[in-house]
């Protein structure tokens, strides 16, 4: 947590009622901007979801599937760290025992670009289907990060239908 404060405290505009990046951070080289967009694109939706859904645990999606597969023999036919076969960014369990899936996107290129990223996130994530009564939300989030003097940041969240899911039976829970 401390590293994030050191890295990004100066990135956020002071005395602003909404989240925006300072001009100096908006003009970073492409590699650094990508890292910032990715970090904010995951952090902001997680904070929002923790305030709005009764979540108990949040786990990296790939780690969840690898550990679950190793323990219960669940396999994915298609896995990758990038591209259309990657696992969702996070799997979270709610107080009610339901599992939620979240794929996150972040950009400084505006809401239209963010919307295209979110559309790609629908096909990119590999959904997991749980038995009836255990499935929560299957979400794709996108954060359009505002720049000082411009539009504010805007978080979008959609709940798309799953594609080519991995099915986990009730006995495996």
C-alpha atoms as a PDB file:
ATOM      1  CA  UNK A   1       0.000   0.000   0.000  1.00  0.00           C
ATOM      2  CA  UNK A   2       2.801   2.424   0.841  1.00  0.00           C
ATOM      3  CA  UNK A   3       4.379   1.991  -2.590  1.00  0.00           C
ATOM      4  CA  UNK A   4       1.129   3.065  -4.250  1.00  0.00           C
ATOM      5  CA  UNK A   5       1.095   6.247  -2.137  1.00  0.00           C
ATOM      6  CA  UNK A   6       4.698   7.037  -3.048  1.00  0.00           C
ATOM      7  CA  UNK A   7       4.127   6.294  -6.714  1.00  0.00           C
ATOM      8  CA  UNK A   8       0.781   8.048  -7.209  1.00  0.00           C
ATOM      9  CA  UNK A   9       0.189  10.671  -4.494  1.00  0.00           C
ATOM     10  CA  UNK A  10       1.527  13.440  -6.731  1.00  0.00           C
ATOM     11  CA  UNK A  11      -0.454  12.093  -9.707  1.00  0.00           C
ATOM     12  CA  UNK A  12      -3.839  13.192  -8.378  1.00  0.00           C
ATOM     13  CA  UNK A  13      -4.878  16.819  -8.670  1.00  0.00           C
ATOM     14  CA  UNK A  14      -5.059  18.551  -5.282  1.00  0.00           C
ATOM     15  CA  UNK A  15      -8.167  20.511  -4.274  1.00  0.00           C
ATOM     16  CA  UNK A  16     -10.317  18.774  -6.897  1.00  0.00           C
ATOM     17  CA  UNK A  17     -13.671  17.258  -5.969  1.00  0.00           C
ATOM     18  CA  UNK A  18     -13.233  14.479  -8.559  1.00  0.00           C
ATOM     19  CA  UNK A  19     -10.393  12.163  -9.560  1.00  0.00           C
ATOM     20  CA  UNK A  20      -8.143  13.690 -12.221  1.00  0.00           C
ATOM     21  CA  UNK A  21      -4.464  13.303 -13.060  1.00  0.00           C
ATOM     22  CA  UNK A  22      -2.087  16.246 -12.938  1.00  0.00           C
ATOM     23  CA  UNK A  23      -0.671  17.403 -16.283  1.00  0.00           C
ATOM     24  CA  UNK A  24       2.809  16.112 -15.390  1.00  0.00           C
ATOM     25  CA  UNK A  25       1.464  12.580 -14.870  1.00  0.00           C
ATOM     26  CA  UNK A  26      -0.736  12.774 -17.951  1.00  0.00           C
ATOM     27  CA  UNK A  27       2.404  13.468 -20.006  1.00  0.00           C
ATOM     28  CA  UNK A  28       4.426  10.462 -18.792  1.00  0.00           C
ATOM     29  CA  UNK A  29       5.960   8.110 -21.349  1.00  0.00           C
ATOM     30  CA  UNK A  30       3.607   5.476 -22.752  1.00  0.00           C
ATOM     31  CA  UNK A  31       4.940   2.627 -20.576  1.00  0.00           C
ATOM     32  CA  UNK A  32       4.427   4.552 -17.316  1.00  0.00           C
ATOM     33  CA  UNK A  33       0.961   5.746 -18.423  1.00  0.00           C
ATOM     34  CA  UNK A  34      -0.014   2.131 -19.147  1.00  0.00           C
ATOM     35  CA  UNK A  35       1.058   1.032 -15.658  1.00  0.00           C
ATOM     36  CA  UNK A  36      -0.812   3.924 -14.038  1.00  0.00           C
ATOM     37  CA  UNK A  37      -3.966   3.220 -16.074  1.00  0.00           C
ATOM     38  CA  UNK A  38      -3.781  -0.470 -15.173  1.00  0.00           C
ATOM     39  CA  UNK A  39      -3.274   0.227 -11.450  1.00  0.00           C
ATOM     40  CA  UNK A  40      -6.067   2.819 -11.288  1.00  0.00           C
ATOM     41  CA  UNK A  41      -8.250   0.683 -13.584  1.00  0.00           C
ATOM     42  CA  UNK A  42      -8.099  -2.161 -11.061  1.00  0.00           C
ATOM     43  CA  UNK A  43      -7.958  -0.172  -7.819  1.00  0.00           C
ATOM     44  CA  UNK A  44     -10.891   2.204  -8.354  1.00  0.00           C
ATOM     45  CA  UNK A  45     -13.459  -0.494  -9.282  1.00  0.00           C
ATOM     46  CA  UNK A  46     -12.326  -2.725  -6.404  1.00  0.00           C
ATOM     47  CA  UNK A  47     -12.799   0.131  -3.917  1.00  0.00           C
ATOM     48  CA  UNK A  48     -16.217   0.941  -5.427  1.00  0.00           C
ATOM     49  CA  UNK A  49     -17.309  -2.715  -5.358  1.00  0.00           C
ATOM     50  CA  UNK A  50     -16.134  -3.190  -1.773  1.00  0.00           C
ATOM     51  CA  UNK A  51     -18.373  -0.274  -0.784  1.00  0.00           C
ATOM     52  CA  UNK A  52     -21.373  -1.458  -2.829  1.00  0.00           C
ATOM     53  CA  UNK A  53     -21.280  -5.277  -2.690  1.00  0.00           C
ATOM     54  CA  UNK A  54     -20.923  -7.321   0.499  1.00  0.00           C
ATOM     55  CA  UNK A  55     -17.513  -8.804  -0.433  1.00  0.00           C
ATOM     56  CA  UNK A  56     -15.448 -10.860   2.012  1.00  0.00           C
ATOM     57  CA  UNK A  57     -12.465 -11.975  -0.063  1.00  0.00           C
ATOM     58  CA  UNK A  58     -10.974 -10.758  -3.339  1.00  0.00           C
ATOM     59  CA  UNK A  59      -8.465 -13.012  -5.112  1.00  0.00           C
ATOM     60  CA  UNK A  60      -6.469 -12.756  -8.319  1.00  0.00           C
ATOM     61  CA  UNK A  61      -8.463 -14.651 -10.973  1.00  0.00           C
ATOM     62  CA  UNK A  62      -5.601 -16.734 -12.353  1.00  0.00           C
ATOM     63  CA  UNK A  63      -4.480 -17.701  -8.850  1.00  0.00           C
ATOM     64  CA  UNK A  64      -8.058 -18.664  -7.921  1.00  0.00           C
ATOM     65  CA  UNK A  65      -8.405 -20.967 -10.923  1.00  0.00           C
ATOM     66  CA  UNK A  66      -4.953 -22.522 -10.532  1.00  0.00           C
ATOM     67  CA  UNK A  67      -5.484 -23.249  -6.843  1.00  0.00           C
ATOM     68  CA  UNK A  68      -9.063 -24.407  -7.364  1.00  0.00           C
ATOM     69  CA  UNK A  69      -8.017 -26.600 -10.281  1.00  0.00           C
ATOM     70  CA  UNK A  70      -5.184 -28.163  -8.313  1.00  0.00           C
ATOM     71  CA  UNK A  71      -7.431 -28.955  -5.356  1.00  0.00           C
ATOM     72  CA  UNK A  72     -10.591 -30.040  -7.167  1.00  0.00           C
ATOM     73  CA  UNK A  73      -9.449 -31.142 -10.636  1.00  0.00           C
ATOM     74  CA  UNK A  74     -11.047 -28.200 -12.483  1.00  0.00           C
ATOM     75  CA  UNK A  75      -9.342 -27.517 -15.811  1.00  0.00           C
ATOM     76  CA  UNK A  76      -9.563 -24.746 -18.342  1.00  0.00           C
ATOM     77  CA  UNK A  77      -9.354 -25.735 -21.950  1.00  0.00           C
ATOM     78  CA  UNK A  78      -8.036 -22.326 -22.965  1.00  0.00           C
ATOM     79  CA  UNK A  79      -5.835 -20.225 -20.710  1.00  0.00           C
ATOM     80  CA  UNK A  80      -3.409 -17.407 -21.410  1.00  0.00           C
ATOM     81  CA  UNK A  81      -1.867 -14.451 -19.605  1.00  0.00           C
ATOM     82  CA  UNK A  82      -2.923 -12.131 -22.464  1.00  0.00           C
ATOM     83  CA  UNK A  83      -5.523 -11.953 -25.173  1.00  0.00           C
ATOM     84  CA  UNK A  84      -8.975 -13.481 -25.577  1.00  0.00           C
ATOM     85  CA  UNK A  85      -8.255 -16.551 -23.407  1.00  0.00           C
ATOM     86  CA  UNK A  86      -7.020 -14.838 -20.243  1.00  0.00           C
ATOM     87  CA  UNK A  87      -8.702 -15.434 -16.933  1.00  0.00           C
ATOM     88  CA  UNK A  88     -10.635 -12.605 -15.242  1.00  0.00           C
ATOM     89  CA  UNK A  89      -8.599 -10.186 -13.125  1.00  0.00           C
ATOM     90  CA  UNK A  90     -10.396 -10.997  -9.863  1.00  0.00           C
ATOM     91  CA  UNK A  91     -12.742 -13.490  -8.247  1.00  0.00           C
ATOM     92  CA  UNK A  92     -14.464 -12.307  -5.074  1.00  0.00           C
ATOM     93  CA  UNK A  93     -16.642 -14.074  -2.522  1.00  0.00           C
ATOM     94  CA  UNK A  94     -19.522 -12.261  -0.860  1.00  0.00           C
ATOM     95  CA  UNK A  95     -20.806 -12.634   2.703  1.00  0.00           C
ATOM     96  CA  UNK A  96     -23.646 -14.715   1.278  1.00  0.00           C
ATOM     97  CA  UNK A  97     -21.188 -17.240  -0.239  1.00  0.00           C
ATOM     98  CA  UNK A  98     -21.771 -16.116  -3.825  1.00  0.00           C
ATOM     99  CA  UNK A  99     -18.789 -15.734  -6.155  1.00  0.00           C
ATOM    100  CA  UNK A 100     -18.293 -12.608  -8.275  1.00  0.00           C
ATOM    101  CA  UNK A 101     -16.007 -12.276 -11.301  1.00  0.00           C
ATOM    102  CA  UNK A 102     -14.373  -8.983 -12.329  1.00  0.00           C
ATOM    103  CA  UNK A 103     -12.362  -8.031 -15.408  1.00  0.00           C
ATOM    104  CA  UNK A 104     -10.841  -4.523 -15.155  1.00  0.00           C
ATOM    105  CA  UNK A 105      -9.815  -1.962 -17.775  1.00  0.00           C
ATOM    106  CA  UNK A 106      -8.330   1.503 -17.390  1.00  0.00           C
ATOM    107  CA  UNK A 107      -7.391   4.282 -19.817  1.00  0.00           C
ATOM    108  CA  UNK A 108      -6.496   7.946 -20.070  1.00  0.00           C
ATOM    109  CA  UNK A 109      -7.781   8.102 -23.677  1.00  0.00           C
ATOM    110  CA  UNK A 110     -11.412   9.004 -22.920  1.00  0.00           C
ATOM    111  CA  UNK A 111     -14.753   7.292 -22.445  1.00  0.00           C
ATOM    112  CA  UNK A 112     -15.140   6.090 -26.058  1.00  0.00           C
ATOM    113  CA  UNK A 113     -11.821   4.225 -25.849  1.00  0.00           C
ATOM    114  CA  UNK A 114     -12.792   2.914 -22.396  1.00  0.00           C
ATOM    115  CA  UNK A 115     -16.055   1.578 -23.853  1.00  0.00           C
ATOM    116  CA  UNK A 116     -14.118  -0.277 -26.577  1.00  0.00           C
ATOM    117  CA  UNK A 117     -11.853  -1.750 -23.899  1.00  0.00           C
ATOM    118  CA  UNK A 118     -14.871  -2.900 -21.919  1.00  0.00           C
ATOM    119  CA  UNK A 119     -16.349  -4.534 -25.042  1.00  0.00           C
ATOM    120  CA  UNK A 120     -13.061  -6.392 -25.565  1.00  0.00           C
ATOM    121  CA  UNK A 121     -13.149  -7.412 -21.888  1.00  0.00           C
ATOM    122  CA  UNK A 122     -16.390  -9.287 -22.478  1.00  0.00           C
ATOM    123  CA  UNK A 123     -14.735 -11.641 -24.965  1.00  0.00           C
ATOM    124  CA  UNK A 124     -11.362 -11.504 -23.218  1.00  0.00           C
ATOM    125  CA  UNK A 125     -12.416 -12.856 -19.874  1.00  0.00           C
ATOM    126  CA  UNK A 126     -13.082 -16.526 -19.404  1.00  0.00           C
ATOM    127  CA  UNK A 127     -16.126 -16.754 -17.174  1.00  0.00           C
ATOM    128  CA  UNK A 128     -16.615 -19.361 -14.495  1.00  0.00           C
ATOM    129  CA  UNK A 129     -20.062 -20.819 -13.847  1.00  0.00           C
ATOM    130  CA  UNK A 130     -20.929 -21.894 -10.352  1.00  0.00           C
ATOM    131  CA  UNK A 131     -23.888 -24.052  -9.314  1.00  0.00           C
ATOM    132  CA  UNK A 132     -27.272 -22.338  -8.921  1.00  0.00           C
ATOM    133  CA  UNK A 133     -27.366 -20.169  -5.834  1.00  0.00           C
ATOM    134  CA  UNK A 134     -23.591 -19.579  -5.785  1.00  0.00           C
ATOM    135  CA  UNK A 135     -23.215 -17.200  -8.740  1.00  0.00           C
ATOM    136  CA  UNK A 136     -22.885 -13.501  -8.043  1.00  0.00           C
ATOM    137  CA  UNK A 137     -22.054 -10.811 -10.588  1.00  0.00           C
ATOM    138  CA  UNK A 138     -19.874 -11.324 -13.679  1.00  0.00           C
ATOM    139  CA  UNK A 139     -18.590  -7.807 -14.256  1.00  0.00           C
ATOM    140  CA  UNK A 140     -16.370  -5.911 -16.660  1.00  0.00           C
ATOM    141  CA  UNK A 141     -15.269  -2.516 -15.364  1.00  0.00           C
ATOM    142  CA  UNK A 142     -13.620   0.332 -17.197  1.00  0.00           C
ATOM    143  CA  UNK A 143     -12.157   3.507 -15.752  1.00  0.00           C
ATOM    144  CA  UNK A 144     -11.701   6.532 -17.978  1.00  0.00           C
ATOM    145  CA  UNK A 145      -9.156   8.594 -16.047  1.00  0.00           C
ATOM    146  CA  UNK A 146      -9.662  12.349 -16.327  1.00  0.00           C
ATOM    147  CA  UNK A 147      -6.835  14.819 -16.884  1.00  0.00           C
ATOM    148  CA  UNK A 148      -6.394  18.136 -15.055  1.00  0.00           C
ATOM    149  CA  UNK A 149      -8.426  20.845 -16.753  1.00  0.00           C
ATOM    150  CA  UNK A 150     -10.510  18.286 -18.663  1.00  0.00           C
ATOM    151  CA  UNK A 151     -13.287  15.818 -18.091  1.00  0.00           C
ATOM    152  CA  UNK A 152     -13.530  14.038 -14.726  1.00  0.00           C
ATOM    153  CA  UNK A 153     -12.800  10.339 -14.361  1.00  0.00           C
ATOM    154  CA  UNK A 154     -15.703   8.015 -15.084  1.00  0.00           C
ATOM    155  CA  UNK A 155     -16.175   4.423 -13.946  1.00  0.00           C
ATOM    156  CA  UNK A 156     -18.328   2.112 -16.049  1.00  0.00           C
ATOM    157  CA  UNK A 157     -19.383  -1.388 -14.983  1.00  0.00           C
ATOM    158  CA  UNK A 158     -21.315  -3.913 -17.083  1.00  0.00           C
ATOM    159  CA  UNK A 159     -22.563  -7.439 -16.395  1.00  0.00           C
ATOM    160  CA  UNK A 160     -22.185  -9.359 -19.693  1.00  0.00           C
ATOM    161  CA  UNK A 161     -23.305 -12.896 -20.455  1.00  0.00           C
ATOM    162  CA  UNK A 162     -20.453 -15.411 -20.007  1.00  0.00           C
ATOM    163  CA  UNK A 163     -18.702 -16.962 -22.999  1.00  0.00           C
ATOM    164  CA  UNK A 164     -17.380 -20.558 -23.028  1.00  0.00           C
ATOM    165  CA  UNK A 165     -17.562 -20.995 -19.237  1.00  0.00           C
ATOM    166  CA  UNK A 166     -15.786 -23.412 -16.942  1.00  0.00           C
ATOM    167  CA  UNK A 167     -18.437 -25.221 -14.902  1.00  0.00           C
ATOM    168  CA  UNK A 168     -17.838 -26.059 -11.240  1.00  0.00           C
ATOM    169  CA  UNK A 169     -20.270 -28.580  -9.778  1.00  0.00           C
ATOM    170  CA  UNK A 170     -21.921 -28.202  -6.388  1.00  0.00           C
ATOM    171  CA  UNK A 171     -20.049 -31.236  -5.034  1.00  0.00           C
ATOM    172  CA  UNK A 172     -16.728 -29.547  -5.910  1.00  0.00           C
ATOM    173  CA  UNK A 173     -17.576 -26.513  -3.765  1.00  0.00           C
END
